PDB file of N, CA and C in Angstrom:
ATOM      1  N   MET A   1      60.090 159.534  63.636  1.00  0.00           N
ATOM      2  CA  MET A   1      60.843 158.853  62.522  1.00  0.00           C
ATOM      3  C   MET A   1      60.285 159.277  61.473  1.00  0.00           C
ATOM      4  N   ASP A   2      60.321 160.047  60.596  1.00  0.00           N
ATOM      5  CA  ASP A   2      60.232 159.601  59.244  1.00  0.00           C
ATOM      6  C   ASP A   2      60.590 158.183  57.919  1.00  0.00           C
ATOM      7  N   GLU A   3      60.034 158.162  56.971  1.00  0.00           N
ATOM      8  CA  GLU A   3      60.097 157.117  56.190  1.00  0.00           C
ATOM      9  C   GLU A   3      62.044 156.978  55.911  1.00  0.00           C
ATOM     10  N   VAL A   4      62.805 157.816  55.849  1.00  0.00           N
ATOM     11  CA  VAL A   4      64.116 157.831  55.200  1.00  0.00           C
ATOM     12  C   VAL A   4      65.089 157.215  57.032  1.00  0.00           C
ATOM     13  N   GLN A   5      64.606 157.883  58.347  1.00  0.00           N
ATOM     14  CA  GLN A   5      64.796 157.690  59.401  1.00  0.00           C
ATOM     15  C   GLN A   5      65.124 156.102  59.461  1.00  0.00           C
ATOM     16  N   THR A   6      63.724 155.334  59.402  1.00  0.00           N
ATOM     17  CA  THR A   6      63.049 154.612  59.465  1.00  0.00           C
ATOM     18  C   THR A   6      63.983 153.176  58.681  1.00  0.00           C
ATOM     19  N   THR A   7      64.048 153.466  57.939  1.00  0.00           N
ATOM     20  CA  THR A   7      64.558 153.102  56.483  1.00  0.00           C
ATOM     21  C   THR A   7      66.320 152.487  56.860  1.00  0.00           C
ATOM     22  N   TRP A   8      66.873 153.844  57.794  1.00  0.00           N
ATOM     23  CA  TRP A   8      68.134 153.645  58.113  1.00  0.00           C
ATOM     24  C   TRP A   8      68.374 153.109  58.973  1.00  0.00           C
ATOM     25  N   ALA A   9      67.333 152.871  59.938  1.00  0.00           N
ATOM     26  CA  ALA A   9      67.274 151.999  61.819  1.00  0.00           C
ATOM     27  C   ALA A   9      66.874 150.532  61.039  1.00  0.00           C
ATOM     28  N   ILE A  10      65.839 150.368  59.727  1.00  0.00           N
ATOM     29  CA  ILE A  10      65.869 149.205  59.724  1.00  0.00           C
ATOM     30  C   ILE A  10      67.069 148.463  58.838  1.00  0.00           C
ATOM     31  N   ALA A  11      67.999 149.055  57.978  1.00  0.00           N
ATOM     32  CA  ALA A  11      68.908 148.732  57.770  1.00  0.00           C
ATOM     33  C   ALA A  11      70.105 148.908  58.539  1.00  0.00           C
ATOM     34  N   GLY A  12      70.400 149.112  59.534  1.00  0.00           N
ATOM     35  CA  GLY A  12      71.407 149.405  60.274  1.00  0.00           C
ATOM     36  C   GLY A  12      71.107 147.723  61.232  1.00  0.00           C
ATOM     37  N   SER A  13      69.944 148.059  61.900  1.00  0.00           N
ATOM     38  CA  SER A  13      69.636 146.440  62.850  1.00  0.00           C
ATOM     39  C   SER A  13      69.693 145.391  62.129  1.00  0.00           C
ATOM     40  N   ALA A  14      69.260 145.260  60.604  1.00  0.00           N
ATOM     41  CA  ALA A  14      69.538 144.246  60.025  1.00  0.00           C
ATOM     42  C   ALA A  14      71.172 143.948  59.811  1.00  0.00           C
ATOM     43  N   ALA A  15      72.011 144.920  59.791  1.00  0.00           N
ATOM     44  CA  ALA A  15      73.120 144.461  59.433  1.00  0.00           C
ATOM     45  C   ALA A  15      74.479 144.415  60.798  1.00  0.00           C
ATOM     46  N   LEU A  16      73.381 144.911  61.946  1.00  0.00           N
ATOM     47  CA  LEU A  16      73.923 144.359  63.110  1.00  0.00           C
ATOM     48  C   LEU A  16      73.809 142.942  63.231  1.00  0.00           C
ATOM     49  N   PHE A  17      72.379 142.932  63.238  1.00  0.00           N
ATOM     50  CA  PHE A  17      72.050 141.008  63.368  1.00  0.00           C
ATOM     51  C   PHE A  17      72.843 140.442  62.461  1.00  0.00           C
ATOM     52  N   GLY A  18      72.938 141.079  60.893  1.00  0.00           N
ATOM     53  CA  GLY A  18      74.314 139.462  60.150  1.00  0.00           C
ATOM     54  C   GLY A  18      75.408 139.586  60.720  1.00  0.00           C
ATOM     55  N   LEU A  19      75.862 140.914  61.356  1.00  0.00           N
ATOM     56  CA  LEU A  19      76.988 140.505  61.837  1.00  0.00           C
ATOM     57  C   LEU A  19      77.488 139.520  63.071  1.00  0.00           C
ATOM     58  N   CYS A  20      76.369 139.699  64.056  1.00  0.00           N
ATOM     59  CA  CYS A  20      75.699 139.067  65.012  1.00  0.00           C
ATOM     60  C   CYS A  20      75.814 137.084  64.889  1.00  0.00           C
ATOM     61  N   LEU A  21      75.279 137.252  63.732  1.00  0.00           N
ATOM     62  CA  LEU A  21      74.628 135.880  63.204  1.00  0.00           C
ATOM     63  C   LEU A  21      76.490 135.215  62.551  1.00  0.00           C
ATOM     64  N   TRP A  22      77.304 135.891  62.099  1.00  0.00           N
ATOM     65  CA  TRP A  22      78.657 136.328  61.055  1.00  0.00           C
ATOM     66  C   TRP A  22      79.364 135.459  62.537  1.00  0.00           C
ATOM     67  N   ARG A  23      79.078 136.543  63.546  1.00  0.00           N
ATOM     68  CA  ARG A  23      79.716 135.939  64.774  1.00  0.00           C
ATOM     69  C   ARG A  23      80.000 135.190  65.442  1.00  0.00           C
ATOM     70  N   GLU A  24      78.282 135.043  65.826  1.00  0.00           N
ATOM     71  CA  GLU A  24      78.177 133.478  66.239  1.00  0.00           C
ATOM     72  C   GLU A  24      78.557 132.009  65.446  1.00  0.00           C
ATOM     73  N   ARG A  25      78.466 131.993  64.525  1.00  0.00           N
ATOM     74  CA  ARG A  25      78.847 131.068  63.351  1.00  0.00           C
ATOM     75  C   ARG A  25      80.352 130.838  63.152  1.00  0.00           C
ATOM     76  N   GLN A  26      81.055 131.668  63.550  1.00  0.00           N
ATOM     77  CA  GLN A  26      82.972 130.738  63.713  1.00  0.00           C
ATOM     78  C   GLN A  26      83.024 129.663  64.865  1.00  0.00           C
ATOM     79  N   PRO A  27      83.454 129.040  64.385  1.00  0.00           N
ATOM     80  CA  PRO A  27      84.173 127.814  64.964  1.00  0.00           C
ATOM     81  C   PRO A  27      84.874 128.495  66.678  1.00  0.00           C
ATOM     82  N   HIS A  28      84.350 127.810  67.499  1.00  0.00           N
ATOM     83  CA  HIS A  28      84.355 127.888  69.485  1.00  0.00           C
ATOM     84  C   HIS A  28      85.484 126.793  69.846  1.00  0.00           C
ATOM     85  N   VAL A  29      86.750 128.263  70.504  1.00  0.00           N
ATOM     86  CA  VAL A  29      87.690 127.840  70.566  1.00  0.00           C
ATOM     87  C   VAL A  29      87.362 126.948  72.281  1.00  0.00           C
ATOM     88  N   ILE A  30      87.085 125.643  72.327  1.00  0.00           N
ATOM     89  CA  ILE A  30      87.077 124.837  73.671  1.00  0.00           C
ATOM     90  C   ILE A  30      88.407 125.328  74.565  1.00  0.00           C
ATOM     91  N   GLY A  31      87.513 126.117  76.305  1.00  0.00           N
ATOM     92  CA  GLY A  31      88.322 126.558  76.723  1.00  0.00           C
ATOM     93  C   GLY A  31      88.073 127.721  76.406  1.00  0.00           C
ATOM     94  N   LYS A  32      87.944 128.587  75.656  1.00  0.00           N
ATOM     95  CA  LYS A  32      88.354 129.831  75.632  1.00  0.00           C
ATOM     96  C   LYS A  32      86.662 130.554  75.869  1.00  0.00           C
ATOM     97  N   PRO A  33      85.920 130.824  76.506  1.00  0.00           N
ATOM     98  CA  PRO A  33      84.554 131.259  76.580  1.00  0.00           C
ATOM     99  C   PRO A  33      84.817 132.721  75.713  1.00  0.00           C
ATOM    100  N   ARG A  34      83.501 133.034  74.866  1.00  0.00           N
ATOM    101  CA  ARG A  34      83.301 134.244  74.400  1.00  0.00           C
ATOM    102  C   ARG A  34      82.872 135.549  75.231  1.00  0.00           C
ATOM    103  N   LEU A  35      83.396 136.351  74.795  1.00  0.00           N
ATOM    104  CA  LEU A  35      82.902 137.650  75.582  1.00  0.00           C
ATOM    105  C   LEU A  35      81.955 138.951  75.539  1.00  0.00           C
ATOM    106  N   PHE A  36      81.070 138.280  73.921  1.00  0.00           N
ATOM    107  CA  PHE A  36      80.563 139.221  74.066  1.00  0.00           C
ATOM    108  C   PHE A  36      79.027 137.871  73.626  1.00  0.00           C
ATOM    109  N   PRO A  37      77.586 138.153  74.539  1.00  0.00           N
ATOM    110  CA  PRO A  37      76.845 137.362  74.428  1.00  0.00           C
ATOM    111  C   PRO A  37      75.915 137.396  72.636  1.00  0.00           C
ATOM    112  N   TYR A  38      76.136 136.785  72.174  1.00  0.00           N
ATOM    113  CA  TYR A  38      75.510 137.864  70.682  1.00  0.00           C
ATOM    114  C   TYR A  38      74.017 136.745  70.631  1.00  0.00           C
ATOM    115  N   ILE A  39      73.740 136.026  71.145  1.00  0.00           N
ATOM    116  CA  ILE A  39      73.010 135.385  70.941  1.00  0.00           C
ATOM    117  C   ILE A  39      71.238 136.558  71.437  1.00  0.00           C
ATOM    118  N   PRO A  40      71.627 136.641  72.498  1.00  0.00           N
ATOM    119  CA  PRO A  40      71.070 137.681  73.404  1.00  0.00           C
ATOM    120  C   PRO A  40      70.621 139.200  72.396  1.00  0.00           C
ATOM    121  N   VAL A  41      71.866 139.789  72.193  1.00  0.00           N
ATOM    122  CA  VAL A  41      71.772 140.504  70.971  1.00  0.00           C
ATOM    123  C   VAL A  41      70.753 140.099  69.861  1.00  0.00           C
ATOM    124  N   MET A  42      70.830 139.031  69.326  1.00  0.00           N
ATOM    125  CA  MET A  42      70.127 139.251  67.997  1.00  0.00           C
ATOM    126  C   MET A  42      68.936 138.992  68.403  1.00  0.00           C
ATOM    127  N   LEU A  43      68.809 138.551  69.599  1.00  0.00           N
ATOM    128  CA  LEU A  43      66.853 138.384  69.997  1.00  0.00           C
ATOM    129  C   LEU A  43      66.684 139.639  70.200  1.00  0.00           C
ATOM    130  N   VAL A  44      67.335 140.720  71.100  1.00  0.00           N
ATOM    131  CA  VAL A  44      66.673 142.339  70.724  1.00  0.00           C
ATOM    132  C   VAL A  44      66.568 142.472  69.633  1.00  0.00           C
ATOM    133  N   LEU A  45      67.271 142.745  68.904  1.00  0.00           N
ATOM    134  CA  LEU A  45      67.565 142.885  67.537  1.00  0.00           C
ATOM    135  C   LEU A  45      66.445 142.645  66.522  1.00  0.00           C
ATOM    136  N   VAL A  46      66.146 141.437  66.690  1.00  0.00           N
ATOM    137  CA  VAL A  46      64.870 140.581  66.187  1.00  0.00           C
ATOM    138  C   VAL A  46      63.135 141.797  66.414  1.00  0.00           C
ATOM    139  N   ILE A  47      63.205 141.817  68.073  1.00  0.00           N
ATOM    140  CA  ILE A  47      62.077 142.916  68.512  1.00  0.00           C
ATOM    141  C   ILE A  47      62.134 143.978  67.863  1.00  0.00           C
ATOM    142  N   VAL A  48      63.293 144.633  67.663  1.00  0.00           N
ATOM    143  CA  VAL A  48      63.811 146.094  67.175  1.00  0.00           C
ATOM    144  C   VAL A  48      63.034 146.140  65.739  1.00  0.00           C
ATOM    145  N   LEU A  49      63.588 144.899  65.020  1.00  0.00           N
ATOM    146  CA  LEU A  49      63.438 144.800  63.909  1.00  0.00           C
ATOM    147  C   LEU A  49      61.390 144.477  63.483  1.00  0.00           C
ATOM    148  N   PHE A  50      61.116 144.332  64.300  1.00  0.00           N
ATOM    149  CA  PHE A  50      59.541 143.993  64.220  1.00  0.00           C
ATOM    150  C   PHE A  50      58.878 144.788  64.305  1.00  0.00           C
ATOM    151  N   GLY A  51      59.347 145.711  64.991  1.00  0.00           N
ATOM    152  CA  GLY A  51      58.865 147.281  65.795  1.00  0.00           C
ATOM    153  C   GLY A  51      58.861 148.440  64.469  1.00  0.00           C
ATOM    154  N   LEU A  52      60.331 148.359  63.877  1.00  0.00           N
ATOM    155  CA  LEU A  52      60.606 149.225  63.063  1.00  0.00           C
ATOM    156  C   LEU A  52      59.751 149.185  62.000  1.00  0.00           C
ATOM    157  N   LEU A  53      59.457 147.899  61.660  1.00  0.00           N
ATOM    158  CA  LEU A  53      58.464 147.269  60.820  1.00  0.00           C
ATOM    159  C   LEU A  53      57.109 147.419  60.501  1.00  0.00           C
ATOM    160  N   ALA A  54      56.680 147.421  61.621  1.00  0.00           N
ATOM    161  CA  ALA A  54      55.254 147.826  62.417  1.00  0.00           C
ATOM    162  C   ALA A  54      55.379 149.437  62.034  1.00  0.00           C
ATOM    163  N   HIS A  55      56.339 149.827  62.171  1.00  0.00           N
ATOM    164  CA  HIS A  55      56.368 151.406  62.281  1.00  0.00           C
ATOM    165  C   HIS A  55      56.186 151.875  60.812  1.00  0.00           C
ATOM    166  N   ALA A  56      57.137 151.591  59.909  1.00  0.00           N
ATOM    167  CA  ALA A  56      57.563 151.383  58.304  1.00  0.00           C
ATOM    168  C   ALA A  56      55.587 151.226  57.718  1.00  0.00           C
ATOM    169  N   VAL A  57      55.388 150.149  58.069  1.00  0.00           N
ATOM    170  CA  VAL A  57      54.140 150.254  57.549  1.00  0.00           C
ATOM    171  C   VAL A  57      53.018 151.363  58.058  1.00  0.00           C
ATOM    172  N   THR A  58      52.998 151.564  59.199  1.00  0.00           N
ATOM    173  CA  THR A  58      52.372 152.444  59.683  1.00  0.00           C
ATOM    174  C   THR A  58      52.632 153.898  58.696  1.00  0.00           C
ATOM    175  N   LEU A  59      53.833 153.832  58.594  1.00  0.00           N
ATOM    176  CA  LEU A  59      54.084 155.480  57.835  1.00  0.00           C
ATOM    177  C   LEU A  59      53.446 154.972  56.235  1.00  0.00           C
ATOM    178  N   LEU A  60      53.749 153.825  55.263  1.00  0.00           N
ATOM    179  CA  LEU A  60      53.493 153.831  54.250  1.00  0.00           C
ATOM    180  C   LEU A  60      52.184 153.741  54.159  1.00  0.00           C
ATOM    181  N   THR A  61      51.078 153.282  55.262  1.00  0.00           N
ATOM    182  CA  THR A  61      49.843 153.309  54.846  1.00  0.00           C
ATOM    183  C   THR A  61      49.101 154.563  55.222  1.00  0.00           C
ATOM    184  N   GLY A  62      49.787 154.915  56.153  1.00  0.00           N
ATOM    185  CA  GLY A  62      49.043 155.909  57.370  1.00  0.00           C
ATOM    186  C   GLY A  62      47.773 155.725  58.475  1.00  0.00           C
ATOM    187  N   LYS A  63      48.040 154.468  58.124  1.00  0.00           N
ATOM    188  CA  LYS A  63      46.861 153.622  59.519  1.00  0.00           C
ATOM    189  C   LYS A  63      47.981 153.171  60.572  1.00  0.00           C
ATOM    190  N   PRO A  64      47.586 153.337  61.951  1.00  0.00           N
ATOM    191  CA  PRO A  64      48.365 152.638  62.551  1.00  0.00           C
ATOM    192  C   PRO A  64      48.137 150.754  62.702  1.00  0.00           C
ATOM    193  N   LEU A  65      49.060 150.195  63.034  1.00  0.00           N
ATOM    194  CA  LEU A  65      48.166 148.645  62.695  1.00  0.00           C
ATOM    195  C   LEU A  65      47.777 148.562  64.263  1.00  0.00           C
ATOM    196  N   THR A  66      47.022 147.868  64.329  1.00  0.00           N
ATOM    197  CA  THR A  66      46.478 147.342  65.418  1.00  0.00           C
ATOM    198  C   THR A  66      46.415 146.143  66.120  1.00  0.00           C
ATOM    199  N   PRO A  67      46.962 145.981  67.507  1.00  0.00           N
ATOM    200  CA  PRO A  67      47.179 144.314  68.339  1.00  0.00           C
ATOM    201  C   PRO A  67      45.824 143.862  67.547  1.00  0.00           C
ATOM    202  N   ARG A  68      46.308 142.167  67.678  1.00  0.00           N
ATOM    203  CA  ARG A  68      45.155 141.795  67.030  1.00  0.00           C
ATOM    204  C   ARG A  68      45.279 140.069  68.099  1.00  0.00           C
ATOM    205  N   GLY A  69      45.592 140.613  69.605  1.00  0.00           N
ATOM    206  CA  GLY A  69      46.041 139.374  70.149  1.00  0.00           C
ATOM    207  C   GLY A  69      44.700 138.380  70.501  1.00  0.00           C
ATOM    208  N   LEU A  70      44.938 137.802  71.900  1.00  0.00           N
ATOM    209  CA  LEU A  70      43.732 136.596  71.877  1.00  0.00           C
ATOM    210  C   LEU A  70      42.870 137.336  72.767  1.00  0.00           C
ATOM    211  N   GLY A  71      42.854 138.459  73.476  1.00  0.00           N
ATOM    212  CA  GLY A  71      41.782 138.854  73.641  1.00  0.00           C
ATOM    213  C   GLY A  71      40.303 139.849  72.741  1.00  0.00           C
ATOM    214  N   GLY A  72      39.203 139.647  72.851  1.00  0.00           N
ATOM    215  CA  GLY A  72      38.149 139.836  72.025  1.00  0.00           C
ATOM    216  C   GLY A  72      37.372 140.591  71.933  1.00  0.00           C
TER     217      GLY A  72
END
């Protein structure tokens, strides 16, 4: 992916996250379950956004991000 595609993917993922957040904050009708699981979708979108942001940093700097985990 190049910079433009990465930017569009970040914008789309952020927009979907905002839509899910808005729908999750709607008042809940007791006795009527929601048919779409907004919170798990938001969790997946956060993971996707972190990956896309790391990819954008790699594209802008020219160096891949290295993991800095607990191992050593």
